[in-house]
Amino acid sequence: MIKGIKEYLFVAVSSGSVLLIDFLSKNKIISIFKDGIVEKIYVNEYLDFILVFNTGISYGLFSGGGDFQKWILISLSILIIIFLLSLIRNESTILSKLSISFIIGGALGNVLDRFTYGAVVDFISLHAKGFSWYIFNIADMFIVLGVILFILSQFILSKKNVGN
């Protein structure tokens, strides 16, 4: 019982930290761009900050679907978060629990945006030699990092199991 509480407390603190970092970064960017005076912040030849409200999903797919789509995406995100929370009790390594926490925290950050703005706040623009990546946010970074770490944790776990 205590172990289960500690596991969920770890997930709550980790996910909450991701949510807080994402929330603060988006609020800062919105405050910089709110007057419309600044259109783009040049950081270096590979990175700019540009404020975009993404009503769709990754890469801006399915954008412009209106209120119905917003609630569908919020509902799907919440279902995914619930599913990920159910995975926690089956995971044995701290890496796998941390990876799931990163995904949950990122998903919560984007859900909060959809509730607040009706769209996800994206602002990080990577580009090089005429190629531009899609514009994303800190929550997206943690989701991708979480997925990579989860795959890595499962790979490590399978190698341990093969060795036994």
N, C-alpha and C. Protein backbone atom coordinates (compact mmCIF):
# COMPACT_ATOMS: atom_id res chain seq x y z
N MET A 1 0.83 -1.21 0.00
CA MET A 1 0.00 0.00 0.00
C MET A 1 0.86 1.26 0.00
N ILE A 2 1.83 1.32 0.92
CA ILE A 2 2.72 2.49 0.99
C ILE A 2 3.54 2.60 -0.28
N LYS A 3 4.01 1.46 -0.81
CA LYS A 3 4.80 1.47 -2.05
C LYS A 3 3.97 2.07 -3.19
N GLY A 4 2.70 1.69 -3.29
CA GLY A 4 1.83 2.22 -4.34
C GLY A 4 1.64 3.72 -4.20
N ILE A 5 1.50 4.19 -2.98
CA ILE A 5 1.34 5.62 -2.74
C ILE A 5 2.61 6.36 -3.14
N LYS A 6 3.77 5.80 -2.79
CA LYS A 6 5.04 6.42 -3.16
C LYS A 6 5.22 6.49 -4.67
N GLU A 7 4.82 5.41 -5.35
CA GLU A 7 4.92 5.40 -6.82
C GLU A 7 4.07 6.50 -7.43
N TYR A 8 2.83 6.62 -6.97
CA TYR A 8 1.95 7.65 -7.53
C TYR A 8 2.37 9.05 -7.10
N LEU A 9 2.96 9.18 -5.93
CA LEU A 9 3.47 10.47 -5.49
C LEU A 9 4.64 10.88 -6.39
N PHE A 10 5.52 9.93 -6.71
CA PHE A 10 6.63 10.19 -7.63
C PHE A 10 6.10 10.66 -8.98
N VAL A 11 5.10 9.96 -9.49
CA VAL A 11 4.50 10.32 -10.78
C VAL A 11 3.85 11.70 -10.70
N ALA A 12 3.14 11.97 -9.60
CA ALA A 12 2.47 13.26 -9.46
C ALA A 12 3.48 14.41 -9.41
N VAL A 13 4.57 14.23 -8.65
CA VAL A 13 5.58 15.29 -8.55
C VAL A 13 6.29 15.47 -9.89
N SER A 14 6.67 14.36 -10.54
CA SER A 14 7.35 14.44 -11.84
C SER A 14 6.46 15.08 -12.90
N SER A 15 5.23 14.59 -13.00
CA SER A 15 4.28 15.14 -13.99
C SER A 15 3.97 16.60 -13.67
N GLY A 16 3.78 16.89 -12.40
CA GLY A 16 3.50 18.27 -11.98
C GLY A 16 4.64 19.21 -12.31
N SER A 17 5.87 18.74 -12.17
CA SER A 17 7.04 19.57 -12.51
C SER A 17 7.06 19.88 -14.00
N VAL A 18 6.78 18.87 -14.82
CA VAL A 18 6.72 19.08 -16.27
C VAL A 18 5.61 20.08 -16.60
N LEU A 19 4.44 19.89 -16.00
CA LEU A 19 3.31 20.79 -16.22
C LEU A 19 3.67 22.22 -15.84
N LEU A 20 4.35 22.40 -14.71
CA LEU A 20 4.74 23.74 -14.25
C LEU A 20 5.74 24.40 -15.20
N ILE A 21 6.76 23.66 -15.61
CA ILE A 21 7.75 24.20 -16.54
C ILE A 21 7.07 24.61 -17.85
N ASP A 22 6.20 23.76 -18.35
CA ASP A 22 5.48 24.05 -19.60
C ASP A 22 4.59 25.28 -19.43
N PHE A 23 3.84 25.32 -18.34
CA PHE A 23 2.92 26.43 -18.06
C PHE A 23 3.68 27.76 -17.99
N LEU A 24 4.79 27.77 -17.25
CA LEU A 24 5.56 29.01 -17.10
C LEU A 24 6.17 29.46 -18.43
N SER A 25 6.67 28.51 -19.21
CA SER A 25 7.26 28.89 -20.51
C SER A 25 6.21 29.48 -21.45
N LYS A 26 5.03 28.88 -21.47
CA LYS A 26 3.97 29.39 -22.35
C LYS A 26 3.46 30.75 -21.89
N ASN A 27 3.32 30.92 -20.58
CA ASN A 27 2.89 32.23 -20.07
C ASN A 27 3.90 33.32 -20.41
N LYS A 28 5.18 33.01 -20.30
CA LYS A 28 6.22 33.99 -20.63
C LYS A 28 6.16 34.36 -22.11
N ILE A 29 6.04 33.37 -22.96
CA ILE A 29 5.98 33.63 -24.41
C ILE A 29 4.73 34.44 -24.76
N ILE A 30 3.59 34.08 -24.18
CA ILE A 30 2.36 34.82 -24.46
C ILE A 30 2.50 36.27 -24.00
N SER A 31 3.13 36.49 -22.85
CA SER A 31 3.30 37.86 -22.35
C SER A 31 4.21 38.68 -23.26
N ILE A 32 5.19 38.04 -23.86
CA ILE A 32 6.09 38.75 -24.79
C ILE A 32 5.37 39.12 -26.08
N PHE A 33 4.55 38.21 -26.58
CA PHE A 33 3.90 38.40 -27.89
C PHE A 33 2.53 39.07 -27.81
N LYS A 34 1.98 39.28 -26.63
CA LYS A 34 0.57 39.69 -26.50
C LYS A 34 0.24 41.03 -27.15
N ASP A 35 1.18 41.95 -27.19
CA ASP A 35 0.88 43.27 -27.76
C ASP A 35 0.94 43.30 -29.28
N GLY A 36 1.46 42.25 -29.88
CA GLY A 36 1.57 42.20 -31.33
C GLY A 36 2.75 42.96 -31.90
N ILE A 37 3.56 43.53 -31.03
CA ILE A 37 4.73 44.29 -31.49
C ILE A 37 5.82 43.32 -31.96
N VAL A 38 6.00 42.25 -31.20
CA VAL A 38 7.01 41.24 -31.53
C VAL A 38 6.35 40.13 -32.32
N GLU A 39 6.90 39.79 -33.48
CA GLU A 39 6.37 38.70 -34.29
C GLU A 39 7.23 37.45 -34.20
N LYS A 40 8.53 37.66 -34.01
CA LYS A 40 9.45 36.54 -33.94
C LYS A 40 10.65 36.95 -33.09
N ILE A 41 11.13 36.00 -32.28
CA ILE A 41 12.35 36.24 -31.52
C ILE A 41 13.44 35.36 -32.11
N TYR A 42 14.42 36.00 -32.70
CA TYR A 42 15.55 35.28 -33.28
C TYR A 42 16.49 34.88 -32.15
N VAL A 43 16.79 33.60 -32.02
CA VAL A 43 17.72 33.12 -30.99
C VAL A 43 19.07 32.83 -31.64
N ASN A 44 19.06 32.06 -32.70
CA ASN A 44 20.26 31.80 -33.49
C ASN A 44 19.82 31.30 -34.87
N GLU A 45 20.77 30.89 -35.69
CA GLU A 45 20.40 30.52 -37.07
C GLU A 45 19.55 29.26 -37.15
N TYR A 46 19.39 28.55 -36.04
CA TYR A 46 18.60 27.31 -36.02
C TYR A 46 17.32 27.41 -35.19
N LEU A 47 17.18 28.46 -34.43
CA LEU A 47 16.09 28.54 -33.46
C LEU A 47 15.47 29.93 -33.41
N ASP A 48 14.14 29.97 -33.51
CA ASP A 48 13.36 31.19 -33.30
C ASP A 48 12.21 30.85 -32.36
N PHE A 49 11.66 31.86 -31.72
CA PHE A 49 10.42 31.71 -30.97
C PHE A 49 9.33 32.46 -31.72
N ILE A 50 8.26 31.74 -32.06
CA ILE A 50 7.13 32.29 -32.80
C ILE A 50 5.87 31.78 -32.11
N LEU A 51 4.95 32.65 -31.76
CA LEU A 51 3.73 32.23 -31.08
C LEU A 51 2.70 31.71 -32.08
N VAL A 52 2.27 30.47 -31.87
CA VAL A 52 1.27 29.83 -32.72
C VAL A 52 0.25 29.14 -31.82
N PHE A 53 -1.01 29.27 -32.14
CA PHE A 53 -2.07 28.55 -31.43
C PHE A 53 -2.53 27.41 -32.34
N ASN A 54 -2.18 26.19 -31.97
CA ASN A 54 -2.44 25.01 -32.79
C ASN A 54 -3.75 24.35 -32.35
N THR A 55 -4.76 24.43 -33.19
CA THR A 55 -6.06 23.81 -32.86
C THR A 55 -6.11 22.35 -33.24
N GLY A 56 -5.10 21.89 -33.98
CA GLY A 56 -5.07 20.49 -34.42
C GLY A 56 -4.23 19.64 -33.49
N ILE A 57 -3.62 18.62 -34.10
CA ILE A 57 -2.73 17.74 -33.35
C ILE A 57 -1.31 17.98 -33.87
N SER A 58 -0.43 17.05 -33.68
CA SER A 58 0.96 17.21 -34.11
C SER A 58 1.04 17.68 -35.56
N TYR A 59 2.01 18.55 -35.80
CA TYR A 59 2.27 19.12 -37.12
C TYR A 59 1.10 19.96 -37.64
N GLY A 60 0.17 20.33 -36.76
CA GLY A 60 -0.97 21.12 -37.18
C GLY A 60 -2.03 20.34 -37.93
N LEU A 61 -1.92 19.01 -37.94
CA LEU A 61 -2.91 18.18 -38.64
C LEU A 61 -4.29 18.35 -38.01
N PHE A 62 -5.30 18.31 -38.82
CA PHE A 62 -6.70 18.40 -38.40
C PHE A 62 -7.02 19.71 -37.68
N SER A 63 -6.33 20.79 -38.03
CA SER A 63 -6.63 22.07 -37.38
C SER A 63 -7.90 22.67 -37.99
N GLY A 64 -8.52 23.53 -37.23
CA GLY A 64 -9.71 24.23 -37.70
C GLY A 64 -11.00 23.45 -37.53
N GLY A 65 -11.01 22.46 -36.64
CA GLY A 65 -12.20 21.63 -36.45
C GLY A 65 -13.23 22.21 -35.51
N GLY A 66 -12.93 23.34 -34.90
CA GLY A 66 -13.89 24.00 -34.03
C GLY A 66 -14.02 23.38 -32.64
N ASP A 67 -15.11 23.76 -31.97
CA ASP A 67 -15.35 23.33 -30.59
C ASP A 67 -15.50 21.82 -30.44
N PHE A 68 -16.17 21.20 -31.38
CA PHE A 68 -16.37 19.76 -31.30
C PHE A 68 -15.03 19.04 -31.30
N GLN A 69 -14.15 19.45 -32.20
CA GLN A 69 -12.82 18.84 -32.28
C GLN A 69 -12.03 19.10 -31.00
N LYS A 70 -12.14 20.31 -30.46
CA LYS A 70 -11.43 20.63 -29.22
C LYS A 70 -11.81 19.65 -28.12
N TRP A 71 -13.11 19.39 -27.96
CA TRP A 71 -13.57 18.50 -26.90
C TRP A 71 -13.21 17.04 -27.18
N ILE A 72 -13.18 16.67 -28.44
CA ILE A 72 -12.73 15.31 -28.80
C ILE A 72 -11.26 15.14 -28.42
N LEU A 73 -10.43 16.13 -28.76
CA LEU A 73 -9.00 16.04 -28.45
C LEU A 73 -8.75 16.07 -26.95
N ILE A 74 -9.50 16.88 -26.22
CA ILE A 74 -9.37 16.91 -24.75
C ILE A 74 -9.76 15.55 -24.18
N SER A 75 -10.87 14.99 -24.66
CA SER A 75 -11.34 13.69 -24.16
C SER A 75 -10.33 12.58 -24.46
N LEU A 76 -9.81 12.55 -25.67
CA LEU A 76 -8.80 11.55 -26.03
C LEU A 76 -7.55 11.69 -25.17
N SER A 77 -7.13 12.92 -24.94
CA SER A 77 -5.94 13.15 -24.11
C SER A 77 -6.16 12.66 -22.69
N ILE A 78 -7.33 12.93 -22.14
CA ILE A 78 -7.64 12.49 -20.78
C ILE A 78 -7.69 10.96 -20.71
N LEU A 79 -8.26 10.33 -21.72
CA LEU A 79 -8.28 8.86 -21.75
C LEU A 79 -6.86 8.29 -21.83
N ILE A 80 -6.01 8.90 -22.61
CA ILE A 80 -4.62 8.46 -22.71
C ILE A 80 -3.91 8.64 -21.37
N ILE A 81 -4.15 9.75 -20.70
CA ILE A 81 -3.55 9.99 -19.38
C ILE A 81 -4.00 8.93 -18.38
N ILE A 82 -5.28 8.60 -18.39
CA ILE A 82 -5.81 7.55 -17.49
C ILE A 82 -5.15 6.21 -17.80
N PHE A 83 -5.03 5.90 -19.09
CA PHE A 83 -4.37 4.65 -19.49
C PHE A 83 -2.92 4.63 -18.99
N LEU A 84 -2.20 5.74 -19.17
CA LEU A 84 -0.81 5.80 -18.72
C LEU A 84 -0.70 5.65 -17.21
N LEU A 85 -1.63 6.25 -16.49
CA LEU A 85 -1.64 6.08 -15.02
C LEU A 85 -1.84 4.63 -14.64
N SER A 86 -2.64 3.91 -15.40
CA SER A 86 -2.86 2.49 -15.11
C SER A 86 -1.61 1.66 -15.39
N LEU A 87 -0.75 2.13 -16.28
CA LEU A 87 0.50 1.42 -16.58
C LEU A 87 1.51 1.49 -15.44
N ILE A 88 1.45 2.56 -14.67
CA ILE A 88 2.45 2.82 -13.63
C ILE A 88 2.62 1.63 -12.69
N ARG A 89 1.52 1.06 -12.25
CA ARG A 89 1.62 -0.02 -11.25
C ARG A 89 2.28 -1.27 -11.81
N ASN A 90 2.33 -1.41 -13.13
CA ASN A 90 2.97 -2.58 -13.75
C ASN A 90 4.44 -2.35 -14.08
N GLU A 91 4.89 -1.12 -13.95
CA GLU A 91 6.28 -0.81 -14.31
C GLU A 91 7.18 -1.00 -13.09
N SER A 92 8.33 -1.64 -13.33
CA SER A 92 9.22 -1.98 -12.22
C SER A 92 10.42 -1.06 -12.09
N THR A 93 10.73 -0.30 -13.14
CA THR A 93 11.93 0.55 -13.07
C THR A 93 11.56 2.02 -12.90
N ILE A 94 12.47 2.73 -12.27
CA ILE A 94 12.27 4.16 -12.08
C ILE A 94 12.28 4.88 -13.43
N LEU A 95 13.08 4.37 -14.37
CA LEU A 95 13.14 4.99 -15.70
C LEU A 95 11.80 4.90 -16.42
N SER A 96 11.16 3.75 -16.34
CA SER A 96 9.86 3.62 -17.02
C SER A 96 8.81 4.49 -16.35
N LYS A 97 8.85 4.59 -15.03
CA LYS A 97 7.89 5.44 -14.31
C LYS A 97 8.13 6.92 -14.62
N LEU A 98 9.41 7.29 -14.68
CA LEU A 98 9.74 8.68 -15.02
C LEU A 98 9.30 9.00 -16.44
N SER A 99 9.52 8.07 -17.36
CA SER A 99 9.15 8.31 -18.75
C SER A 99 7.64 8.50 -18.89
N ILE A 100 6.87 7.68 -18.21
CA ILE A 100 5.41 7.82 -18.24
C ILE A 100 4.99 9.15 -17.60
N SER A 101 5.69 9.54 -16.54
CA SER A 101 5.41 10.82 -15.89
C SER A 101 5.64 11.99 -16.84
N PHE A 102 6.72 11.91 -17.63
CA PHE A 102 7.00 12.97 -18.61
C PHE A 102 5.87 13.07 -19.64
N ILE A 103 5.41 11.93 -20.11
CA ILE A 103 4.32 11.92 -21.10
C ILE A 103 3.05 12.50 -20.49
N ILE A 104 2.73 12.08 -19.27
CA ILE A 104 1.53 12.59 -18.59
C ILE A 104 1.63 14.09 -18.37
N GLY A 105 2.77 14.57 -17.88
CA GLY A 105 2.95 16.01 -17.64
C GLY A 105 2.81 16.82 -18.92
N GLY A 106 3.40 16.33 -20.00
CA GLY A 106 3.27 17.02 -21.29
C GLY A 106 1.84 17.03 -21.79
N ALA A 107 1.18 15.89 -21.67
CA ALA A 107 -0.22 15.80 -22.11
C ALA A 107 -1.10 16.74 -21.28
N LEU A 108 -0.85 16.80 -19.98
CA LEU A 108 -1.63 17.72 -19.13
C LEU A 108 -1.40 19.17 -19.54
N GLY A 109 -0.16 19.52 -19.88
CA GLY A 109 0.14 20.88 -20.33
C GLY A 109 -0.64 21.25 -21.58
N ASN A 110 -0.71 20.33 -22.52
CA ASN A 110 -1.45 20.61 -23.76
C ASN A 110 -2.96 20.59 -23.54
N VAL A 111 -3.44 19.74 -22.63
CA VAL A 111 -4.88 19.74 -22.30
C VAL A 111 -5.25 21.06 -21.63
N LEU A 112 -4.41 21.53 -20.72
CA LEU A 112 -4.66 22.82 -20.07
C LEU A 112 -4.77 23.94 -21.10
N ASP A 113 -3.90 23.91 -22.11
CA ASP A 113 -3.97 24.91 -23.19
C ASP A 113 -5.32 24.85 -23.91
N ARG A 114 -5.75 23.64 -24.23
CA ARG A 114 -7.02 23.49 -24.96
C ARG A 114 -8.18 24.02 -24.14
N PHE A 115 -8.16 23.76 -22.83
CA PHE A 115 -9.20 24.31 -21.96
C PHE A 115 -9.12 25.84 -21.92
N THR A 116 -7.91 26.37 -21.81
CA THR A 116 -7.72 27.81 -21.61
C THR A 116 -7.87 28.61 -22.90
N TYR A 117 -7.25 28.15 -23.98
CA TYR A 117 -7.18 28.93 -25.22
C TYR A 117 -7.95 28.31 -26.38
N GLY A 118 -8.41 27.08 -26.21
CA GLY A 118 -9.07 26.38 -27.31
C GLY A 118 -8.08 25.82 -28.31
N ALA A 119 -6.79 25.92 -27.99
CA ALA A 119 -5.72 25.46 -28.86
C ALA A 119 -4.47 25.27 -28.02
N VAL A 120 -3.51 24.55 -28.56
CA VAL A 120 -2.23 24.35 -27.87
C VAL A 120 -1.29 25.48 -28.24
N VAL A 121 -0.61 26.05 -27.23
CA VAL A 121 0.34 27.13 -27.45
C VAL A 121 1.68 26.52 -27.86
N ASP A 122 2.10 26.78 -29.09
CA ASP A 122 3.39 26.33 -29.60
C ASP A 122 4.25 27.55 -29.86
N PHE A 123 5.57 27.41 -29.69
CA PHE A 123 6.42 28.59 -29.89
C PHE A 123 7.86 28.29 -30.28
N ILE A 124 8.31 27.06 -30.23
CA ILE A 124 9.70 26.75 -30.54
C ILE A 124 9.79 26.35 -32.02
N SER A 125 10.56 27.10 -32.77
CA SER A 125 10.71 26.86 -34.21
C SER A 125 12.17 26.52 -34.52
N LEU A 126 12.39 25.27 -34.93
CA LEU A 126 13.72 24.82 -35.34
C LEU A 126 13.81 24.81 -36.86
N HIS A 127 14.96 25.21 -37.37
CA HIS A 127 15.14 25.23 -38.83
C HIS A 127 16.63 25.20 -39.17
N ALA A 128 16.93 24.70 -40.35
CA ALA A 128 18.31 24.68 -40.83
C ALA A 128 18.32 24.54 -42.34
N LYS A 129 19.12 25.34 -42.99
CA LYS A 129 19.34 25.26 -44.44
C LYS A 129 18.05 25.18 -45.25
N GLY A 130 17.10 26.02 -44.90
CA GLY A 130 15.84 26.08 -45.63
C GLY A 130 14.79 25.08 -45.18
N PHE A 131 15.15 24.16 -44.30
CA PHE A 131 14.19 23.18 -43.79
C PHE A 131 13.70 23.64 -42.42
N SER A 132 12.38 23.67 -42.25
CA SER A 132 11.80 24.04 -40.96
C SER A 132 11.05 22.85 -40.37
N TRP A 133 11.31 22.58 -39.11
CA TRP A 133 10.58 21.57 -38.37
C TRP A 133 9.27 22.21 -37.93
N TYR A 134 8.33 21.41 -37.49
CA TYR A 134 7.08 22.00 -37.02
C TYR A 134 7.33 22.79 -35.73
N ILE A 135 6.46 23.72 -35.44
CA ILE A 135 6.58 24.54 -34.23
C ILE A 135 5.98 23.75 -33.07
N PHE A 136 6.69 23.71 -31.96
CA PHE A 136 6.27 22.88 -30.83
C PHE A 136 6.49 23.62 -29.52
N ASN A 137 6.28 22.94 -28.41
CA ASN A 137 6.41 23.56 -27.09
C ASN A 137 7.15 22.63 -26.13
N ILE A 138 7.31 23.06 -24.89
CA ILE A 138 8.02 22.28 -23.88
C ILE A 138 7.27 20.98 -23.58
N ALA A 139 5.95 21.03 -23.53
CA ALA A 139 5.16 19.81 -23.28
C ALA A 139 5.46 18.76 -24.34
N ASP A 140 5.51 19.18 -25.60
CA ASP A 140 5.82 18.26 -26.70
C ASP A 140 7.20 17.64 -26.52
N MET A 141 8.16 18.45 -26.06
CA MET A 141 9.52 17.94 -25.83
C MET A 141 9.51 16.85 -24.77
N PHE A 142 8.77 17.06 -23.70
CA PHE A 142 8.70 16.06 -22.64
C PHE A 142 7.95 14.81 -23.09
N ILE A 143 6.94 14.98 -23.92
CA ILE A 143 6.22 13.80 -24.44
C ILE A 143 7.17 12.96 -25.29
N VAL A 144 7.91 13.59 -26.18
CA VAL A 144 8.86 12.86 -27.03
C VAL A 144 9.95 12.22 -26.18
N LEU A 145 10.51 12.98 -25.24
CA LEU A 145 11.53 12.43 -24.35
C LEU A 145 10.98 11.26 -23.55
N GLY A 146 9.74 11.39 -23.06
CA GLY A 146 9.10 10.30 -22.33
C GLY A 146 8.94 9.05 -23.16
N VAL A 147 8.53 9.20 -24.41
CA VAL A 147 8.37 8.04 -25.30
C VAL A 147 9.73 7.37 -25.54
N ILE A 148 10.75 8.17 -25.82
CA ILE A 148 12.09 7.62 -26.05
C ILE A 148 12.59 6.88 -24.81
N LEU A 149 12.44 7.50 -23.64
CA LEU A 149 12.89 6.86 -22.40
C LEU A 149 12.09 5.60 -22.09
N PHE A 150 10.80 5.61 -22.41
CA PHE A 150 9.99 4.41 -22.16
C PHE A 150 10.46 3.26 -23.05
N ILE A 151 10.69 3.54 -24.32
CA ILE A 151 11.19 2.50 -25.23
C ILE A 151 12.54 1.99 -24.73
N LEU A 152 13.40 2.90 -24.33
CA LEU A 152 14.71 2.52 -23.80
C LEU A 152 14.56 1.65 -22.55
N SER A 153 13.66 2.03 -21.64
CA SER A 153 13.46 1.26 -20.41
C SER A 153 12.96 -0.15 -20.72
N GLN A 154 12.10 -0.27 -21.71
CA GLN A 154 11.58 -1.59 -22.08
C GLN A 154 12.66 -2.43 -22.74
N PHE A 155 13.50 -1.78 -23.52
CA PHE A 155 14.63 -2.48 -24.15
C PHE A 155 15.59 -2.99 -23.09
N ILE A 156 15.93 -2.16 -22.12
CA ILE A 156 16.82 -2.55 -21.02
C ILE A 156 16.20 -3.71 -20.23
N LEU A 157 14.90 -3.59 -19.95
CA LEU A 157 14.20 -4.63 -19.18
C LEU A 157 14.20 -5.95 -19.94
N SER A 158 13.97 -5.89 -21.25
CA SER A 158 13.95 -7.13 -22.03
C SER A 158 15.34 -7.77 -22.08
N LYS A 159 16.39 -6.95 -22.13
CA LYS A 159 17.76 -7.48 -22.11
C LYS A 159 18.06 -8.16 -20.79
N LYS A 160 17.56 -7.58 -19.67
CA LYS A 160 17.73 -8.21 -18.35
C LYS A 160 17.01 -9.55 -18.29
N ASN A 161 15.80 -9.58 -18.82
CA ASN A 161 15.00 -10.81 -18.80
C ASN A 161 15.61 -11.91 -19.66
N VAL A 162 16.22 -11.54 -20.77
CA VAL A 162 16.87 -12.51 -21.64
C VAL A 162 18.11 -13.08 -20.94
N GLY A 163 18.81 -12.24 -20.18
CA GLY A 163 20.00 -12.66 -19.47
C GLY A 163 19.72 -13.57 -18.29
N ASN A 164 18.50 -13.59 -17.79
CA ASN A 164 18.17 -14.41 -16.60
C ASN A 164 17.74 -15.78 -16.96
